[in-house]
């Protein structure tokens, strides 16, 4: 089951990038691909909660959930053909990158103790 979730997570992340790129060329189809990808990405994120007990780790997981909300907002703005979707997606990316870098360190530190 974990391998399936990891595969879905990775494929949906790549599809989010592809749909953001294709929005410049095919603005009618890209929001639909983005919506499907963000839905799968968000569901897999929610289904994989932080396994530790530290408050910092839980906060970082909540930052990931907040990034998923940003991606949903970006998708909505894509459907409305508003250019602000880029700002929402960049905000989501910054939150995700921060959490992806710090969360494994926090989990390793927690296991060490």
C-alpha atoms as a PDB file:
ATOM      1  CA  UNK A   1       0.000   0.000   0.000  1.00  0.00           C
ATOM      2  CA  UNK A   2       2.871   2.391   0.831  1.00  0.00           C
ATOM      3  CA  UNK A   3       4.437   1.881  -2.607  1.00  0.00           C
ATOM      4  CA  UNK A   4       1.120   2.687  -4.288  1.00  0.00           C
ATOM      5  CA  UNK A   5       0.759   5.895  -2.243  1.00  0.00           C
ATOM      6  CA  UNK A   6       4.342   6.903  -3.017  1.00  0.00           C
ATOM      7  CA  UNK A   7       3.821   6.252  -6.719  1.00  0.00           C
ATOM      8  CA  UNK A   8       0.566   8.221  -6.786  1.00  0.00           C
ATOM      9  CA  UNK A   9       2.259  11.049  -4.901  1.00  0.00           C
ATOM     10  CA  UNK A  10       5.145  11.255  -7.348  1.00  0.00           C
ATOM     11  CA  UNK A  11       2.999  10.931 -10.482  1.00  0.00           C
ATOM     12  CA  UNK A  12       0.577  13.589  -9.266  1.00  0.00           C
ATOM     13  CA  UNK A  13       3.461  15.944  -8.432  1.00  0.00           C
ATOM     14  CA  UNK A  14       4.871  15.539 -11.940  1.00  0.00           C
ATOM     15  CA  UNK A  15       1.404  16.077 -13.432  1.00  0.00           C
ATOM     16  CA  UNK A  16       1.064  19.315 -11.441  1.00  0.00           C
ATOM     17  CA  UNK A  17       4.288  20.563 -13.001  1.00  0.00           C
ATOM     18  CA  UNK A  18       3.188  19.457 -16.463  1.00  0.00           C
ATOM     19  CA  UNK A  19      -0.191  21.172 -16.146  1.00  0.00           C
ATOM     20  CA  UNK A  20       1.463  24.392 -14.976  1.00  0.00           C
ATOM     21  CA  UNK A  21       3.714  24.276 -18.037  1.00  0.00           C
ATOM     22  CA  UNK A  22       0.886  23.399 -20.449  1.00  0.00           C
ATOM     23  CA  UNK A  23      -1.316  26.227 -19.173  1.00  0.00           C
ATOM     24  CA  UNK A  24       0.598  28.542 -21.512  1.00  0.00           C
ATOM     25  CA  UNK A  25      -0.220  26.413 -24.545  1.00  0.00           C
ATOM     26  CA  UNK A  26      -3.489  24.613 -23.760  1.00  0.00           C
ATOM     27  CA  UNK A  27      -5.391  26.745 -21.204  1.00  0.00           C
ATOM     28  CA  UNK A  28      -8.605  24.730 -21.713  1.00  0.00           C
ATOM     29  CA  UNK A  29      -7.169  21.351 -20.661  1.00  0.00           C
ATOM     30  CA  UNK A  30      -4.452  22.315 -18.174  1.00  0.00           C
ATOM     31  CA  UNK A  31      -6.827  23.282 -15.312  1.00  0.00           C
ATOM     32  CA  UNK A  32      -8.505  19.881 -15.497  1.00  0.00           C
ATOM     33  CA  UNK A  33      -5.177  18.070 -15.315  1.00  0.00           C
ATOM     34  CA  UNK A  34      -4.178  20.383 -12.466  1.00  0.00           C
ATOM     35  CA  UNK A  35      -7.431  19.690 -10.584  1.00  0.00           C
ATOM     36  CA  UNK A  36      -7.027  15.933 -10.853  1.00  0.00           C
ATOM     37  CA  UNK A  37      -3.353  16.078  -9.902  1.00  0.00           C
ATOM     38  CA  UNK A  38      -3.902  18.392  -6.940  1.00  0.00           C
ATOM     39  CA  UNK A  39      -6.750  16.187  -5.701  1.00  0.00           C
ATOM     40  CA  UNK A  40      -4.597  13.053  -5.792  1.00  0.00           C
ATOM     41  CA  UNK A  41      -1.611  14.910  -4.295  1.00  0.00           C
ATOM     42  CA  UNK A  42      -3.722  16.332  -1.460  1.00  0.00           C
ATOM     43  CA  UNK A  43      -5.388  13.017  -0.664  1.00  0.00           C
ATOM     44  CA  UNK A  44      -2.064  11.194  -0.500  1.00  0.00           C
ATOM     45  CA  UNK A  45      -0.654  13.957   1.701  1.00  0.00           C
ATOM     46  CA  UNK A  46      -3.592  13.729   4.099  1.00  0.00           C
ATOM     47  CA  UNK A  47      -3.408   9.927   4.154  1.00  0.00           C
ATOM     48  CA  UNK A  48       0.265  10.035   5.190  1.00  0.00           C
ATOM     49  CA  UNK A  49       0.277  11.930   8.505  1.00  0.00           C
ATOM     50  CA  UNK A  50       3.379  12.727  10.506  1.00  0.00           C
ATOM     51  CA  UNK A  51       4.338   9.520  12.362  1.00  0.00           C
ATOM     52  CA  UNK A  52       6.156  11.209  15.247  1.00  0.00           C
ATOM     53  CA  UNK A  53       4.982  12.997  18.344  1.00  0.00           C
ATOM     54  CA  UNK A  54       6.928  16.263  18.284  1.00  0.00           C
ATOM     55  CA  UNK A  55       5.042  19.518  18.019  1.00  0.00           C
ATOM     56  CA  UNK A  56       7.471  20.821  15.401  1.00  0.00           C
ATOM     57  CA  UNK A  57       6.900  17.771  13.198  1.00  0.00           C
ATOM     58  CA  UNK A  58       3.145  18.171  13.460  1.00  0.00           C
ATOM     59  CA  UNK A  59       3.480  21.864  12.603  1.00  0.00           C
ATOM     60  CA  UNK A  60       5.523  20.965   9.528  1.00  0.00           C
ATOM     61  CA  UNK A  61       2.849  18.484   8.474  1.00  0.00           C
ATOM     62  CA  UNK A  62       0.253  21.238   8.886  1.00  0.00           C
ATOM     63  CA  UNK A  63       2.390  23.436   6.632  1.00  0.00           C
ATOM     64  CA  UNK A  64       2.156  20.691   4.003  1.00  0.00           C
ATOM     65  CA  UNK A  65      -1.634  20.707   4.359  1.00  0.00           C
ATOM     66  CA  UNK A  66      -1.631  24.488   4.032  1.00  0.00           C
ATOM     67  CA  UNK A  67       0.399  24.095   0.807  1.00  0.00           C
ATOM     68  CA  UNK A  68      -2.285  21.733  -0.505  1.00  0.00           C
ATOM     69  CA  UNK A  69      -4.883  24.434   0.183  1.00  0.00           C
ATOM     70  CA  UNK A  70      -2.725  26.901  -1.763  1.00  0.00           C
ATOM     71  CA  UNK A  71      -2.672  24.443  -4.674  1.00  0.00           C
ATOM     72  CA  UNK A  72      -6.457  24.136  -4.594  1.00  0.00           C
ATOM     73  CA  UNK A  73      -6.702  27.944  -4.706  1.00  0.00           C
ATOM     74  CA  UNK A  74      -4.253  27.996  -7.623  1.00  0.00           C
ATOM     75  CA  UNK A  75      -6.383  25.468  -9.472  1.00  0.00           C
ATOM     76  CA  UNK A  76      -9.512  27.562  -8.921  1.00  0.00           C
ATOM     77  CA  UNK A  77      -7.706  30.630 -10.248  1.00  0.00           C
ATOM     78  CA  UNK A  78      -6.581  28.606 -13.266  1.00  0.00           C
ATOM     79  CA  UNK A  79     -10.188  27.771 -14.069  1.00  0.00           C
ATOM     80  CA  UNK A  80     -11.082  31.475 -13.787  1.00  0.00           C
ATOM     81  CA  UNK A  81      -8.166  32.341 -16.112  1.00  0.00           C
ATOM     82  CA  UNK A  82      -6.614  34.609 -13.496  1.00  0.00           C
ATOM     83  CA  UNK A  83      -2.856  35.014 -13.535  1.00  0.00           C
ATOM     84  CA  UNK A  84      -2.714  35.064  -9.734  1.00  0.00           C
ATOM     85  CA  UNK A  85      -2.688  31.260  -9.823  1.00  0.00           C
ATOM     86  CA  UNK A  86       1.071  31.518 -10.243  1.00  0.00           C
ATOM     87  CA  UNK A  87       1.427  33.314  -6.893  1.00  0.00           C
ATOM     88  CA  UNK A  88      -0.657  30.694  -5.126  1.00  0.00           C
ATOM     89  CA  UNK A  89       1.363  27.892  -6.719  1.00  0.00           C
ATOM     90  CA  UNK A  90       4.686  29.509  -5.804  1.00  0.00           C
ATOM     91  CA  UNK A  91       3.469  29.923  -2.217  1.00  0.00           C
ATOM     92  CA  UNK A  92       2.520  26.252  -2.154  1.00  0.00           C
ATOM     93  CA  UNK A  93       5.903  25.286  -3.580  1.00  0.00           C
ATOM     94  CA  UNK A  94       7.796  27.304  -0.962  1.00  0.00           C
ATOM     95  CA  UNK A  95       5.775  25.719   1.851  1.00  0.00           C
ATOM     96  CA  UNK A  96       6.248  22.220   0.424  1.00  0.00           C
ATOM     97  CA  UNK A  97       9.979  22.634  -0.118  1.00  0.00           C
ATOM     98  CA  UNK A  98      10.473  23.960   3.403  1.00  0.00           C
ATOM     99  CA  UNK A  99       8.493  21.090   4.913  1.00  0.00           C
ATOM    100  CA  UNK A 100      10.208  18.508   2.688  1.00  0.00           C
ATOM    101  CA  UNK A 101      13.637  19.657   3.818  1.00  0.00           C
ATOM    102  CA  UNK A 102      12.982  20.106   7.532  1.00  0.00           C
ATOM    103  CA  UNK A 103      10.500  17.284   8.203  1.00  0.00           C
ATOM    104  CA  UNK A 104      12.915  14.343   7.638  1.00  0.00           C
ATOM    105  CA  UNK A 105      15.497  16.053   9.857  1.00  0.00           C
ATOM    106  CA  UNK A 106      12.924  16.487  12.599  1.00  0.00           C
ATOM    107  CA  UNK A 107      11.804  12.857  12.318  1.00  0.00           C
ATOM    108  CA  UNK A 108      15.424  11.635  12.476  1.00  0.00           C
ATOM    109  CA  UNK A 109      16.094  13.820  15.502  1.00  0.00           C
ATOM    110  CA  UNK A 110      12.965  12.491  17.198  1.00  0.00           C
ATOM    111  CA  UNK A 111      13.923   8.854  16.524  1.00  0.00           C
ATOM    112  CA  UNK A 112      17.388   9.546  17.854  1.00  0.00           C
ATOM    113  CA  UNK A 113      16.007  10.639  21.246  1.00  0.00           C
END
